[in-house]
């Protein structure tokens, strides 16, 4: 999960303590298994804290008051990122044809 979000595992553990709604399952060896809803919550936290630069308390407030809007923004960002990547692949393919 830390690789997927680009944050250290210690940051994930800190966010688990600071933000409600993140409850990964644990194996008998105490390894964390994140549910899809945990992933989405962590993506929103990552966006608020690392991308937008909000402090923890401000990010908590934003999640409480505006979680659905944040989720929609992330959907748009994902779509735009995928579109950009596809356009880059197309441009590279066209460049190689010349």
N, C-alpha and C. Protein backbone atom coordinates (compact mmCIF):
# COMPACT_ATOMS: atom_id res chain seq x y z
N UNK A 1 0.83 -1.19 0.00
CA UNK A 1 0.00 0.00 0.00
C UNK A 1 0.87 1.25 0.00
N UNK A 2 1.96 1.21 0.76
CA UNK A 2 2.82 2.40 0.81
C UNK A 2 3.41 2.71 -0.56
N UNK A 3 3.76 1.68 -1.33
CA UNK A 3 4.28 1.90 -2.68
C UNK A 3 3.21 2.49 -3.59
N UNK A 4 2.00 2.00 -3.47
CA UNK A 4 0.90 2.48 -4.30
C UNK A 4 0.63 3.97 -4.07
N UNK A 5 0.72 4.39 -2.82
CA UNK A 5 0.46 5.79 -2.48
C UNK A 5 1.72 6.65 -2.51
N UNK A 6 2.88 6.01 -2.53
CA UNK A 6 4.13 6.77 -2.55
C UNK A 6 4.48 7.38 -1.20
N UNK A 7 4.09 6.71 -0.13
CA UNK A 7 4.41 7.19 1.22
C UNK A 7 5.02 6.05 2.02
N UNK A 8 5.84 6.38 3.01
CA UNK A 8 6.41 5.32 3.85
C UNK A 8 5.33 4.59 4.67
N UNK A 9 5.61 3.35 5.02
CA UNK A 9 4.67 2.58 5.84
C UNK A 9 4.40 3.27 7.17
N UNK A 10 5.39 3.95 7.71
CA UNK A 10 5.19 4.66 8.97
C UNK A 10 4.15 5.77 8.83
N UNK A 11 4.09 6.38 7.66
CA UNK A 11 3.07 7.41 7.40
C UNK A 11 1.69 6.79 7.38
N UNK A 12 1.56 5.63 6.76
CA UNK A 12 0.27 4.93 6.75
C UNK A 12 -0.18 4.60 8.17
N UNK A 13 0.73 4.11 8.98
CA UNK A 13 0.39 3.79 10.37
C UNK A 13 -0.04 5.04 11.12
N UNK A 14 0.65 6.15 10.87
CA UNK A 14 0.29 7.42 11.51
C UNK A 14 -1.12 7.85 11.08
N UNK A 15 -1.39 7.77 9.78
CA UNK A 15 -2.72 8.15 9.28
C UNK A 15 -3.80 7.24 9.87
N UNK A 16 -3.50 5.96 10.05
CA UNK A 16 -4.47 5.04 10.67
C UNK A 16 -4.85 5.51 12.06
N UNK A 17 -3.89 6.05 12.80
CA UNK A 17 -4.15 6.55 14.15
C UNK A 17 -4.90 7.87 14.14
N UNK A 18 -4.58 8.73 13.20
CA UNK A 18 -5.12 10.09 13.18
C UNK A 18 -6.50 10.21 12.54
N UNK A 19 -6.79 9.38 11.55
CA UNK A 19 -8.03 9.50 10.79
C UNK A 19 -8.93 8.31 11.07
N UNK A 20 -10.20 8.60 11.25
CA UNK A 20 -11.16 7.51 11.47
C UNK A 20 -11.49 6.85 10.13
N UNK A 21 -12.01 5.65 10.21
CA UNK A 21 -12.47 4.98 9.01
C UNK A 21 -11.43 4.13 8.30
N UNK A 22 -10.23 4.05 8.82
CA UNK A 22 -9.21 3.18 8.21
C UNK A 22 -8.99 2.01 9.18
N UNK A 23 -9.48 0.83 8.75
CA UNK A 23 -9.39 -0.34 9.62
C UNK A 23 -8.92 -1.55 8.81
N UNK A 24 -7.63 -1.62 8.54
CA UNK A 24 -7.16 -2.78 7.78
C UNK A 24 -7.31 -4.07 8.59
N UNK A 25 -7.60 -5.14 7.88
CA UNK A 25 -7.63 -6.46 8.51
C UNK A 25 -6.20 -6.85 8.81
N UNK A 26 -6.03 -7.73 9.76
CA UNK A 26 -4.68 -8.18 10.11
C UNK A 26 -4.61 -9.70 10.04
N UNK A 27 -3.47 -10.16 9.55
CA UNK A 27 -3.24 -11.60 9.49
C UNK A 27 -2.76 -12.08 10.86
N UNK A 28 -2.57 -13.37 10.98
CA UNK A 28 -2.07 -13.91 12.23
C UNK A 28 -0.65 -13.42 12.53
N UNK A 29 0.08 -13.05 11.47
CA UNK A 29 1.43 -12.50 11.65
C UNK A 29 1.39 -10.97 11.77
N UNK A 30 0.18 -10.41 11.93
CA UNK A 30 -0.04 -8.97 12.15
C UNK A 30 0.21 -8.11 10.90
N UNK A 31 0.21 -8.74 9.72
CA UNK A 31 0.35 -7.99 8.48
C UNK A 31 -0.99 -7.33 8.15
N UNK A 32 -0.93 -6.09 7.67
CA UNK A 32 -2.14 -5.35 7.35
C UNK A 32 -2.65 -5.71 5.96
N UNK A 33 -3.96 -5.86 5.85
CA UNK A 33 -4.65 -6.07 4.59
C UNK A 33 -5.71 -4.99 4.47
N UNK A 34 -5.50 -4.08 3.54
CA UNK A 34 -6.39 -2.94 3.39
C UNK A 34 -7.58 -3.31 2.49
N UNK A 35 -8.76 -2.89 2.91
CA UNK A 35 -9.98 -3.07 2.13
C UNK A 35 -10.06 -1.96 1.08
N UNK A 36 -10.88 -2.13 0.05
CA UNK A 36 -11.02 -1.06 -0.96
C UNK A 36 -11.43 0.28 -0.35
N UNK A 37 -12.29 0.27 0.66
CA UNK A 37 -12.69 1.53 1.29
C UNK A 37 -11.54 2.16 2.08
N UNK A 38 -10.64 1.32 2.61
CA UNK A 38 -9.44 1.86 3.27
C UNK A 38 -8.54 2.53 2.25
N UNK A 39 -8.37 1.87 1.10
CA UNK A 39 -7.55 2.44 0.03
C UNK A 39 -8.10 3.80 -0.39
N UNK A 40 -9.40 3.88 -0.61
CA UNK A 40 -10.00 5.14 -1.05
C UNK A 40 -9.79 6.23 -0.01
N UNK A 41 -9.99 5.89 1.25
CA UNK A 41 -9.81 6.87 2.33
C UNK A 41 -8.36 7.34 2.37
N UNK A 42 -7.42 6.41 2.24
CA UNK A 42 -6.00 6.77 2.24
C UNK A 42 -5.64 7.62 1.02
N UNK A 43 -6.25 7.33 -0.13
CA UNK A 43 -6.01 8.18 -1.30
C UNK A 43 -6.50 9.60 -1.05
N UNK A 44 -7.65 9.73 -0.41
CA UNK A 44 -8.17 11.07 -0.12
C UNK A 44 -7.27 11.81 0.87
N UNK A 45 -6.80 11.10 1.88
CA UNK A 45 -5.89 11.71 2.86
C UNK A 45 -4.60 12.13 2.17
N UNK A 46 -4.07 11.25 1.34
CA UNK A 46 -2.84 11.55 0.60
C UNK A 46 -3.02 12.80 -0.25
N UNK A 47 -4.14 12.90 -0.94
CA UNK A 47 -4.43 14.06 -1.77
C UNK A 47 -4.49 15.34 -0.92
N UNK A 48 -5.19 15.27 0.19
CA UNK A 48 -5.34 16.46 1.02
C UNK A 48 -4.04 16.89 1.68
N UNK A 49 -3.29 15.93 2.19
CA UNK A 49 -2.09 16.25 2.97
C UNK A 49 -0.88 16.51 2.06
N UNK A 50 -0.65 15.63 1.10
CA UNK A 50 0.57 15.76 0.29
C UNK A 50 0.39 16.62 -0.94
N UNK A 51 -0.77 16.52 -1.60
CA UNK A 51 -0.97 17.28 -2.83
C UNK A 51 -1.43 18.70 -2.53
N UNK A 52 -2.46 18.81 -1.69
CA UNK A 52 -2.99 20.13 -1.37
C UNK A 52 -2.22 20.83 -0.25
N UNK A 53 -1.45 20.07 0.51
CA UNK A 53 -0.63 20.65 1.56
C UNK A 53 -1.36 21.01 2.84
N UNK A 54 -2.52 20.37 3.07
CA UNK A 54 -3.26 20.65 4.30
C UNK A 54 -2.59 20.00 5.50
N UNK A 55 -2.71 20.65 6.64
CA UNK A 55 -2.27 20.03 7.89
C UNK A 55 -3.27 18.95 8.28
N UNK A 56 -2.87 18.09 9.19
CA UNK A 56 -3.70 16.95 9.58
C UNK A 56 -5.08 17.40 10.05
N UNK A 57 -5.15 18.38 10.92
CA UNK A 57 -6.44 18.83 11.44
C UNK A 57 -7.33 19.38 10.33
N UNK A 58 -6.75 20.14 9.41
CA UNK A 58 -7.53 20.68 8.30
C UNK A 58 -8.01 19.56 7.38
N UNK A 59 -7.17 18.57 7.16
CA UNK A 59 -7.56 17.43 6.34
C UNK A 59 -8.70 16.65 6.99
N UNK A 60 -8.66 16.49 8.30
CA UNK A 60 -9.76 15.82 9.01
C UNK A 60 -11.06 16.57 8.81
N UNK A 61 -11.01 17.88 8.95
CA UNK A 61 -12.22 18.69 8.78
C UNK A 61 -12.75 18.58 7.35
N UNK A 62 -11.85 18.63 6.40
CA UNK A 62 -12.24 18.54 4.99
C UNK A 62 -12.90 17.20 4.70
N UNK A 63 -12.36 16.12 5.25
CA UNK A 63 -12.96 14.80 5.07
C UNK A 63 -14.34 14.72 5.70
N UNK A 64 -14.49 15.32 6.85
CA UNK A 64 -15.79 15.29 7.53
C UNK A 64 -16.85 16.08 6.76
N UNK A 65 -16.46 17.21 6.23
CA UNK A 65 -17.44 18.10 5.61
C UNK A 65 -17.62 17.90 4.11
N UNK A 66 -16.64 17.25 3.46
CA UNK A 66 -16.65 17.27 2.00
C UNK A 66 -16.11 15.99 1.36
N UNK A 67 -16.29 14.85 1.99
CA UNK A 67 -15.68 13.61 1.51
C UNK A 67 -16.14 13.23 0.10
N UNK A 68 -17.42 13.41 -0.20
CA UNK A 68 -17.89 12.99 -1.53
C UNK A 68 -17.29 13.86 -2.63
N UNK A 69 -17.11 15.14 -2.37
CA UNK A 69 -16.50 16.03 -3.36
C UNK A 69 -15.02 15.67 -3.56
N UNK A 70 -14.34 15.34 -2.50
CA UNK A 70 -12.94 14.93 -2.60
C UNK A 70 -12.82 13.65 -3.43
N UNK A 71 -13.73 12.71 -3.18
CA UNK A 71 -13.73 11.46 -3.94
C UNK A 71 -13.96 11.72 -5.43
N UNK A 72 -14.87 12.63 -5.75
CA UNK A 72 -15.12 12.98 -7.14
C UNK A 72 -13.90 13.63 -7.78
N UNK A 73 -13.21 14.49 -7.02
CA UNK A 73 -11.99 15.11 -7.54
C UNK A 73 -10.94 14.06 -7.87
N UNK A 74 -10.80 13.08 -6.98
CA UNK A 74 -9.82 12.01 -7.22
C UNK A 74 -10.19 11.20 -8.46
N UNK A 75 -11.48 10.96 -8.66
CA UNK A 75 -11.92 10.26 -9.87
C UNK A 75 -11.51 11.03 -11.12
N UNK A 76 -11.71 12.34 -11.09
CA UNK A 76 -11.35 13.18 -12.24
C UNK A 76 -9.83 13.17 -12.44
N UNK A 77 -9.09 13.28 -11.36
CA UNK A 77 -7.62 13.26 -11.46
C UNK A 77 -7.15 11.94 -12.05
N UNK A 78 -7.74 10.82 -11.60
CA UNK A 78 -7.38 9.50 -12.15
C UNK A 78 -7.69 9.43 -13.64
N UNK A 79 -8.84 9.91 -14.02
CA UNK A 79 -9.23 9.89 -15.43
C UNK A 79 -8.29 10.75 -16.28
N UNK A 80 -7.96 11.93 -15.79
CA UNK A 80 -7.04 12.80 -16.52
C UNK A 80 -5.65 12.19 -16.62
N UNK A 81 -5.20 11.56 -15.55
CA UNK A 81 -3.89 10.92 -15.56
C UNK A 81 -3.86 9.78 -16.58
N UNK A 82 -4.91 8.96 -16.59
CA UNK A 82 -5.00 7.87 -17.57
C UNK A 82 -5.03 8.41 -19.00
N UNK A 83 -5.78 9.49 -19.21
CA UNK A 83 -5.86 10.10 -20.54
C UNK A 83 -4.51 10.64 -20.97
N UNK A 84 -3.81 11.32 -20.06
CA UNK A 84 -2.48 11.84 -20.37
C UNK A 84 -1.53 10.70 -20.74
N UNK A 85 -1.56 9.63 -19.96
CA UNK A 85 -0.68 8.50 -20.23
C UNK A 85 -0.97 7.87 -21.60
N UNK A 86 -2.26 7.75 -21.93
CA UNK A 86 -2.63 7.20 -23.23
C UNK A 86 -2.18 8.11 -24.36
N UNK A 87 -2.34 9.40 -24.20
CA UNK A 87 -1.88 10.35 -25.21
C UNK A 87 -0.37 10.31 -25.40
N UNK A 88 0.36 10.14 -24.30
CA UNK A 88 1.81 10.01 -24.40
C UNK A 88 2.19 8.76 -25.18
N UNK A 89 1.48 7.65 -24.92
CA UNK A 89 1.76 6.40 -25.66
C UNK A 89 1.48 6.60 -27.15
N UNK A 90 0.38 7.27 -27.46
CA UNK A 90 0.05 7.54 -28.85
C UNK A 90 1.09 8.43 -29.52
N UNK A 91 1.54 9.45 -28.83
CA UNK A 91 2.55 10.33 -29.37
C UNK A 91 3.86 9.58 -29.61
N UNK A 92 4.24 8.75 -28.65
CA UNK A 92 5.46 7.95 -28.81
C UNK A 92 5.34 7.02 -30.02
N UNK A 93 4.17 6.40 -30.20
CA UNK A 93 3.97 5.50 -31.34
C UNK A 93 4.06 6.28 -32.65
N UNK A 94 3.47 7.45 -32.69
CA UNK A 94 3.53 8.28 -33.90
C UNK A 94 4.94 8.75 -34.18
N UNK A 95 5.66 9.10 -33.15
CA UNK A 95 7.05 9.56 -33.30
C UNK A 95 7.93 8.45 -33.86
N UNK A 96 7.69 7.23 -33.42
CA UNK A 96 8.49 6.08 -33.89
C UNK A 96 8.19 5.75 -35.34
N UNK A 97 7.01 6.07 -35.82
CA UNK A 97 6.63 5.77 -37.21
C UNK A 97 7.33 6.68 -38.21
N UNK A 98 7.76 7.84 -37.77
CA UNK A 98 8.37 8.81 -38.69
C UNK A 98 9.73 8.39 -39.14
